[in-house]
């Protein structure tokens, strides 16, 4: 059981660091929004890509945690 909690803690820490990195990227992109119309369109496209990446990454992490829990419960 201790190994399960260590694994889950590791996965959650990975999610936290990924969300922080994506937050920094979005903050930098928010600063770039104020410059030009072209940058505005570019930024909205990049934001959509970053949000899609976050959803795929979160789904992957949840799936890997699910597999770890199933491994320990069987």
PDB file of N, CA and C in Angstrom:
ATOM      1  N   UNK A   1       0.821  -1.189   0.000  1.00  0.00           N
ATOM      2  CA  UNK A   1       0.000   0.000   0.000  1.00  0.00           C
ATOM      3  C   UNK A   1       0.868   1.257   0.000  1.00  0.00           C
ATOM      4  N   UNK A   2       2.001   1.186   0.699  1.00  0.00           N
ATOM      5  CA  UNK A   2       2.904   2.334   0.747  1.00  0.00           C
ATOM      6  C   UNK A   2       3.446   2.663  -0.641  1.00  0.00           C
ATOM      7  N   UNK A   3       3.741   1.623  -1.405  1.00  0.00           N
ATOM      8  CA  UNK A   3       4.227   1.817  -2.779  1.00  0.00           C
ATOM      9  C   UNK A   3       3.164   2.493  -3.638  1.00  0.00           C
ATOM     10  N   UNK A   4       1.900   2.146  -3.426  1.00  0.00           N
ATOM     11  CA  UNK A   4       0.801   2.760  -4.168  1.00  0.00           C
ATOM     12  C   UNK A   4       0.747   4.253  -3.896  1.00  0.00           C
ATOM     13  N   UNK A   5       0.871   4.649  -2.624  1.00  0.00           N
ATOM     14  CA  UNK A   5       0.807   6.068  -2.288  1.00  0.00           C
ATOM     15  C   UNK A   5       2.015   6.829  -2.829  1.00  0.00           C
ATOM     16  N   UNK A   6       3.178   6.195  -2.840  1.00  0.00           N
ATOM     17  CA  UNK A   6       4.357   6.842  -3.423  1.00  0.00           C
ATOM     18  C   UNK A   6       4.168   7.059  -4.912  1.00  0.00           C
ATOM     19  N   UNK A   7       3.631   6.063  -5.599  1.00  0.00           N
ATOM     20  CA  UNK A   7       3.386   6.172  -7.034  1.00  0.00           C
ATOM     21  C   UNK A   7       2.355   7.251  -7.327  1.00  0.00           C
ATOM     22  N   UNK A   8       1.280   7.270  -6.546  1.00  0.00           N
ATOM     23  CA  UNK A   8       0.241   8.280  -6.769  1.00  0.00           C
ATOM     24  C   UNK A   8       0.778   9.682  -6.478  1.00  0.00           C
ATOM     25  N   UNK A   9       1.609   9.820  -5.448  1.00  0.00           N
ATOM     26  CA  UNK A   9       2.201  11.117  -5.133  1.00  0.00           C
ATOM     27  C   UNK A   9       3.094  11.592  -6.269  1.00  0.00           C
ATOM     28  N   UNK A  10       3.840  10.677  -6.825  1.00  0.00           N
ATOM     29  CA  UNK A  10       4.726  11.006  -7.945  1.00  0.00           C
ATOM     30  C   UNK A  10       3.911  11.472  -9.158  1.00  0.00           C
ATOM     31  N   UNK A  11       2.828  10.779  -9.453  1.00  0.00           N
ATOM     32  CA  UNK A  11       1.985  11.140 -10.595  1.00  0.00           C
ATOM     33  C   UNK A  11       1.319  12.501 -10.375  1.00  0.00           C
ATOM     34  N   UNK A  12       0.827  12.730  -9.163  1.00  0.00           N
ATOM     35  CA  UNK A  12       0.171  14.007  -8.865  1.00  0.00           C
ATOM     36  C   UNK A  12       1.185  15.149  -8.956  1.00  0.00           C
ATOM     37  N   UNK A  13       2.402  14.932  -8.465  1.00  0.00           N
ATOM     38  CA  UNK A  13       3.439  15.957  -8.580  1.00  0.00           C
ATOM     39  C   UNK A  13       3.750  16.256 -10.041  1.00  0.00           C
ATOM     40  N   UNK A  14       3.742  15.241 -10.880  1.00  0.00           N
ATOM     41  CA  UNK A  14       3.951  15.454 -12.314  1.00  0.00           C
ATOM     42  C   UNK A  14       2.852  16.310 -12.922  1.00  0.00           C
ATOM     43  N   UNK A  15       1.617  16.050 -12.520  1.00  0.00           N
ATOM     44  CA  UNK A  15       0.492  16.853 -13.018  1.00  0.00           C
ATOM     45  C   UNK A  15       0.637  18.297 -12.555  1.00  0.00           C
ATOM     46  N   UNK A  16       1.010  18.492 -11.297  1.00  0.00           N
ATOM     47  CA  UNK A  16       1.167  19.845 -10.753  1.00  0.00           C
ATOM     48  C   UNK A  16       2.228  20.622 -11.520  1.00  0.00           C
ATOM     49  N   UNK A  17       3.377  20.013 -11.761  1.00  0.00           N
ATOM     50  CA  UNK A  17       4.445  20.701 -12.468  1.00  0.00           C
ATOM     51  C   UNK A  17       4.059  21.002 -13.916  1.00  0.00           C
ATOM     52  N   UNK A  18       3.324  20.102 -14.537  1.00  0.00           N
ATOM     53  CA  UNK A  18       2.866  20.356 -15.900  1.00  0.00           C
ATOM     54  C   UNK A  18       1.889  21.529 -15.939  1.00  0.00           C
ATOM     55  N   UNK A  19       0.974  21.566 -14.988  1.00  0.00           N
ATOM     56  CA  UNK A  19       0.026  22.680 -14.941  1.00  0.00           C
ATOM     57  C   UNK A  19       0.733  24.006 -14.660  1.00  0.00           C
ATOM     58  N   UNK A  20       1.767  23.995 -13.820  1.00  0.00           N
ATOM     59  CA  UNK A  20       2.532  25.212 -13.560  1.00  0.00           C
ATOM     60  C   UNK A  20       3.238  25.675 -14.826  1.00  0.00           C
ATOM     61  N   UNK A  21       3.862  24.744 -15.540  1.00  0.00           N
ATOM     62  CA  UNK A  21       4.553  25.101 -16.781  1.00  0.00           C
ATOM     63  C   UNK A  21       3.574  25.659 -17.808  1.00  0.00           C
ATOM     64  N   UNK A  22       2.415  25.052 -17.930  1.00  0.00           N
ATOM     65  CA  UNK A  22       1.413  25.556 -18.862  1.00  0.00           C
ATOM     66  C   UNK A  22       0.896  26.923 -18.424  1.00  0.00           C
ATOM     67  N   UNK A  23       0.779  27.149 -17.125  1.00  0.00           N
ATOM     68  CA  UNK A  23       0.373  28.455 -16.623  1.00  0.00           C
ATOM     69  C   UNK A  23       1.384  29.532 -16.977  1.00  0.00           C
ATOM     70  N   UNK A  24       2.663  29.212 -16.872  1.00  0.00           N
ATOM     71  CA  UNK A  24       3.706  30.168 -17.242  1.00  0.00           C
ATOM     72  C   UNK A  24       3.636  30.476 -18.736  1.00  0.00           C
ATOM     73  N   UNK A  25       3.440  29.446 -19.544  1.00  0.00           N
ATOM     74  CA  UNK A  25       3.317  29.656 -20.989  1.00  0.00           C
ATOM     75  C   UNK A  25       2.122  30.547 -21.291  1.00  0.00           C
ATOM     76  N   UNK A  26       0.993  30.287 -20.653  1.00  0.00           N
ATOM     77  CA  UNK A  26      -0.188  31.117 -20.876  1.00  0.00           C
ATOM     78  C   UNK A  26       0.038  32.545 -20.403  1.00  0.00           C
ATOM     79  N   UNK A  27       0.779  32.736 -19.332  1.00  0.00           N
ATOM     80  CA  UNK A  27       1.085  34.079 -18.853  1.00  0.00           C
ATOM     81  C   UNK A  27       1.945  34.836 -19.861  1.00  0.00           C
ATOM     82  N   UNK A  28       2.944  34.177 -20.402  1.00  0.00           N
ATOM     83  CA  UNK A  28       3.781  34.799 -21.434  1.00  0.00           C
ATOM     84  C   UNK A  28       2.943  35.129 -22.667  1.00  0.00           C
ATOM     85  N   UNK A  29       2.074  34.215 -23.053  1.00  0.00           N
ATOM     86  CA  UNK A  29       1.216  34.468 -24.206  1.00  0.00           C
ATOM     87  C   UNK A  29       0.253  35.617 -23.940  1.00  0.00           C
ATOM     88  N   UNK A  30      -0.208  35.754 -22.705  1.00  0.00           N
ATOM     89  CA  UNK A  30      -1.107  36.860 -22.370  1.00  0.00           C
ATOM     90  C   UNK A  30      -0.410  38.206 -22.539  1.00  0.00           C
ATOM     91  N   UNK A  31       0.866  38.279 -22.217  1.00  0.00           N
ATOM     92  CA  UNK A  31       1.626  39.512 -22.419  1.00  0.00           C
ATOM     93  C   UNK A  31       1.747  39.815 -23.909  1.00  0.00           C
ATOM     94  N   UNK A  32       1.913  38.785 -24.708  1.00  0.00           N
ATOM     95  CA  UNK A  32       2.058  38.990 -26.151  1.00  0.00           C
ATOM     96  C   UNK A  32       0.755  39.414 -26.818  1.00  0.00           C
ATOM     97  N   UNK A  33      -0.367  39.141 -26.190  1.00  0.00           N
ATOM     98  CA  UNK A  33      -1.666  39.466 -26.783  1.00  0.00           C
ATOM     99  C   UNK A  33      -1.810  40.965 -27.020  1.00  0.00           C
ATOM    100  N   UNK A  34      -1.247  41.776 -26.180  1.00  0.00           N
ATOM    101  CA  UNK A  34      -1.477  43.219 -26.259  1.00  0.00           C
ATOM    102  C   UNK A  34      -0.730  43.887 -27.409  1.00  0.00           C
ATOM    103  N   UNK A  35       0.079  43.170 -28.155  1.00  0.00           N
ATOM    104  CA  UNK A  35       0.901  43.821 -29.171  1.00  0.00           C
ATOM    105  C   UNK A  35       0.173  44.062 -30.482  1.00  0.00           C
ATOM    106  N   UNK A  36      -0.190  43.048 -31.217  1.00  0.00           N
ATOM    107  CA  UNK A  36      -0.774  43.255 -32.543  1.00  0.00           C
ATOM    108  C   UNK A  36      -1.951  42.318 -32.778  1.00  0.00           C
ATOM    109  N   UNK A  37      -2.683  42.597 -33.846  1.00  0.00           N
ATOM    110  CA  UNK A  37      -3.804  41.720 -34.206  1.00  0.00           C
ATOM    111  C   UNK A  37      -3.309  40.346 -34.639  1.00  0.00           C
ATOM    112  N   UNK A  38      -2.201  40.319 -35.371  1.00  0.00           N
ATOM    113  CA  UNK A  38      -1.647  39.035 -35.796  1.00  0.00           C
ATOM    114  C   UNK A  38      -1.254  38.209 -34.580  1.00  0.00           C
ATOM    115  N   UNK A  39      -0.613  38.859 -33.616  1.00  0.00           N
ATOM    116  CA  UNK A  39      -0.215  38.151 -32.402  1.00  0.00           C
ATOM    117  C   UNK A  39      -1.448  37.643 -31.658  1.00  0.00           C
ATOM    118  N   UNK A  40      -2.520  38.430 -31.691  1.00  0.00           N
ATOM    119  CA  UNK A  40      -3.750  38.018 -31.026  1.00  0.00           C
ATOM    120  C   UNK A  40      -4.285  36.719 -31.624  1.00  0.00           C
ATOM    121  N   UNK A  41      -4.329  36.648 -32.943  1.00  0.00           N
ATOM    122  CA  UNK A  41      -4.795  35.413 -33.591  1.00  0.00           C
ATOM    123  C   UNK A  41      -3.851  34.257 -33.301  1.00  0.00           C
ATOM    124  N   UNK A  42      -2.565  34.537 -33.352  1.00  0.00           N
ATOM    125  CA  UNK A  42      -1.568  33.508 -33.068  1.00  0.00           C
ATOM    126  C   UNK A  42      -1.708  32.997 -31.635  1.00  0.00           C
ATOM    127  N   UNK A  43      -1.922  33.907 -30.721  1.00  0.00           N
ATOM    128  CA  UNK A  43      -2.042  33.542 -29.321  1.00  0.00           C
ATOM    129  C   UNK A  43      -3.273  32.679 -29.075  1.00  0.00           C
ATOM    130  N   UNK A  44      -4.400  33.054 -29.674  1.00  0.00           N
ATOM    131  CA  UNK A  44      -5.603  32.241 -29.477  1.00  0.00           C
ATOM    132  C   UNK A  44      -5.404  30.826 -30.025  1.00  0.00           C
ATOM    133  N   UNK A  45      -4.723  30.710 -31.141  1.00  0.00           N
ATOM    134  CA  UNK A  45      -4.419  29.382 -31.674  1.00  0.00           C
ATOM    135  C   UNK A  45      -3.523  28.594 -30.735  1.00  0.00           C
ATOM    136  N   UNK A  46      -2.508  29.255 -30.200  1.00  0.00           N
ATOM    137  CA  UNK A  46      -1.600  28.577 -29.279  1.00  0.00           C
ATOM    138  C   UNK A  46      -2.294  28.199 -27.969  1.00  0.00           C
ATOM    139  N   UNK A  47      -3.185  29.062 -27.507  1.00  0.00           N
ATOM    140  CA  UNK A  47      -3.924  28.742 -26.287  1.00  0.00           C
ATOM    141  C   UNK A  47      -4.776  27.496 -26.493  1.00  0.00           C
ATOM    142  N   UNK A  48      -5.405  27.409 -27.658  1.00  0.00           N
ATOM    143  CA  UNK A  48      -6.213  26.223 -27.951  1.00  0.00           C
ATOM    144  C   UNK A  48      -5.342  24.967 -27.956  1.00  0.00           C
ATOM    145  N   UNK A  49      -4.155  25.067 -28.516  1.00  0.00           N
ATOM    146  CA  UNK A  49      -3.240  23.924 -28.552  1.00  0.00           C
ATOM    147  C   UNK A  49      -2.782  23.561 -27.142  1.00  0.00           C
ATOM    148  N   UNK A  50      -2.455  24.559 -26.326  1.00  0.00           N
ATOM    149  CA  UNK A  50      -1.999  24.290 -24.962  1.00  0.00           C
ATOM    150  C   UNK A  50      -3.115  23.650 -24.133  1.00  0.00           C
ATOM    151  N   UNK A  51      -4.330  24.143 -24.271  1.00  0.00           N
ATOM    152  CA  UNK A  51      -5.447  23.562 -23.528  1.00  0.00           C
ATOM    153  C   UNK A  51      -5.690  22.115 -23.964  1.00  0.00           C
ATOM    154  N   UNK A  52      -5.604  21.864 -25.261  1.00  0.00           N
ATOM    155  CA  UNK A  52      -5.762  20.493 -25.752  1.00  0.00           C
ATOM    156  C   UNK A  52      -4.666  19.597 -25.173  1.00  0.00           C
ATOM    157  N   UNK A  53      -3.434  20.114 -25.138  1.00  0.00           N
ATOM    158  CA  UNK A  53      -2.325  19.352 -24.572  1.00  0.00           C
ATOM    159  C   UNK A  53      -2.581  19.036 -23.104  1.00  0.00           C
ATOM    160  N   UNK A  54      -3.063  20.005 -22.336  1.00  0.00           N
ATOM    161  CA  UNK A  54      -3.339  19.794 -20.911  1.00  0.00           C
ATOM    162  C   UNK A  54      -4.376  18.691 -20.729  1.00  0.00           C
ATOM    163  N   UNK A  55      -5.426  18.704 -21.555  1.00  0.00           N
ATOM    164  CA  UNK A  55      -6.453  17.674 -21.433  1.00  0.00           C
ATOM    165  C   UNK A  55      -5.900  16.290 -21.775  1.00  0.00           C
ATOM    166  N   UNK A  56      -5.116  16.191 -22.834  1.00  0.00           N
ATOM    167  CA  UNK A  56      -4.538  14.895 -23.192  1.00  0.00           C
ATOM    168  C   UNK A  56      -3.570  14.413 -22.107  1.00  0.00           C
ATOM    169  N   UNK A  57      -2.755  15.318 -21.582  1.00  0.00           N
ATOM    170  CA  UNK A  57      -1.792  14.939 -20.557  1.00  0.00           C
ATOM    171  C   UNK A  57      -2.500  14.508 -19.277  1.00  0.00           C
ATOM    172  N   UNK A  58      -3.533  15.254 -18.880  1.00  0.00           N
ATOM    173  CA  UNK A  58      -4.289  14.887 -17.681  1.00  0.00           C
ATOM    174  C   UNK A  58      -4.973  13.533 -17.856  1.00  0.00           C
ATOM    175  N   UNK A  59      -5.507  13.291 -19.054  1.00  0.00           N
ATOM    176  CA  UNK A  59      -6.133  11.996 -19.320  1.00  0.00           C
ATOM    177  C   UNK A  59      -5.104  10.873 -19.217  1.00  0.00           C
ATOM    178  N   UNK A  60      -3.915  11.091 -19.733  1.00  0.00           N
ATOM    179  CA  UNK A  60      -2.852  10.094 -19.647  1.00  0.00           C
ATOM    180  C   UNK A  60      -2.468   9.822 -18.198  1.00  0.00           C
ATOM    181  N   UNK A  61      -2.328  10.881 -17.395  1.00  0.00           N
ATOM    182  CA  UNK A  61      -1.946  10.706 -15.998  1.00  0.00           C
ATOM    183  C   UNK A  61      -3.037   9.994 -15.202  1.00  0.00           C
ATOM    184  N   UNK A  62      -4.290  10.338 -15.441  1.00  0.00           N
ATOM    185  CA  UNK A  62      -5.393   9.674 -14.752  1.00  0.00           C
ATOM    186  C   UNK A  62      -5.424   8.200 -15.138  1.00  0.00           C
ATOM    187  N   UNK A  63      -5.196   7.901 -16.411  1.00  0.00           N
ATOM    188  CA  UNK A  63      -5.169   6.518 -16.871  1.00  0.00           C
ATOM    189  C   UNK A  63      -4.025   5.746 -16.201  1.00  0.00           C
ATOM    190  N   UNK A  64      -2.848   6.374 -16.092  1.00  0.00           N
ATOM    191  CA  UNK A  64      -1.723   5.673 -15.474  1.00  0.00           C
ATOM    192  C   UNK A  64      -1.965   5.453 -13.979  1.00  0.00           C
ATOM    193  N   UNK A  65      -2.607   6.404 -13.304  1.00  0.00           N
ATOM    194  CA  UNK A  65      -2.947   6.207 -11.896  1.00  0.00           C
ATOM    195  C   UNK A  65      -3.960   5.079 -11.762  1.00  0.00           C
ATOM    196  N   UNK A  66      -4.927   5.036 -12.672  1.00  0.00           N
ATOM    197  CA  UNK A  66      -5.930   3.969 -12.652  1.00  0.00           C
ATOM    198  C   UNK A  66      -5.259   2.606 -12.794  1.00  0.00           C
ATOM    199  N   UNK A  67      -4.298   2.506 -13.701  1.00  0.00           N
ATOM    200  CA  UNK A  67      -3.585   1.232 -13.896  1.00  0.00           C
ATOM    201  C   UNK A  67      -2.808   0.840 -12.644  1.00  0.00           C
ATOM    202  N   UNK A  68      -2.165   1.818 -11.986  1.00  0.00           N
ATOM    203  CA  UNK A  68      -1.430   1.524 -10.766  1.00  0.00           C
ATOM    204  C   UNK A  68      -2.365   1.027  -9.666  1.00  0.00           C
ATOM    205  N   UNK A  69      -3.509   1.659  -9.525  1.00  0.00           N
ATOM    206  CA  UNK A  69      -4.466   1.246  -8.496  1.00  0.00           C
ATOM    207  C   UNK A  69      -4.987  -0.157  -8.791  1.00  0.00           C
ATOM    208  N   UNK A  70      -5.299  -0.420 -10.058  1.00  0.00           N
ATOM    209  CA  UNK A  70      -5.770  -1.758 -10.432  1.00  0.00           C
ATOM    210  C   UNK A  70      -4.701  -2.807 -10.164  1.00  0.00           C
ATOM    211  N   UNK A  71      -3.437  -2.458 -10.404  1.00  0.00           N
ATOM    212  CA  UNK A  71      -2.345  -3.394 -10.180  1.00  0.00           C
ATOM    213  C   UNK A  71      -2.245  -3.767  -8.706  1.00  0.00           C
ATOM    214  N   UNK A  72      -2.447  -2.804  -7.816  1.00  0.00           N
ATOM    215  CA  UNK A  72      -2.326  -3.077  -6.389  1.00  0.00           C
ATOM    216  C   UNK A  72      -3.571  -3.699  -5.797  1.00  0.00           C
ATOM    217  N   UNK A  73      -4.709  -3.513  -6.413  1.00  0.00           N
ATOM    218  CA  UNK A  73      -5.942  -4.080  -5.874  1.00  0.00           C
ATOM    219  C   UNK A  73      -6.165  -5.521  -6.309  1.00  0.00           C
ATOM    220  N   UNK A  74      -5.502  -5.965  -7.349  1.00  0.00           N
ATOM    221  CA  UNK A  74      -5.685  -7.343  -7.810  1.00  0.00           C
ATOM    222  C   UNK A  74      -4.847  -8.300  -7.031  1.00  0.00           C
TER     223      UNK A  74
END
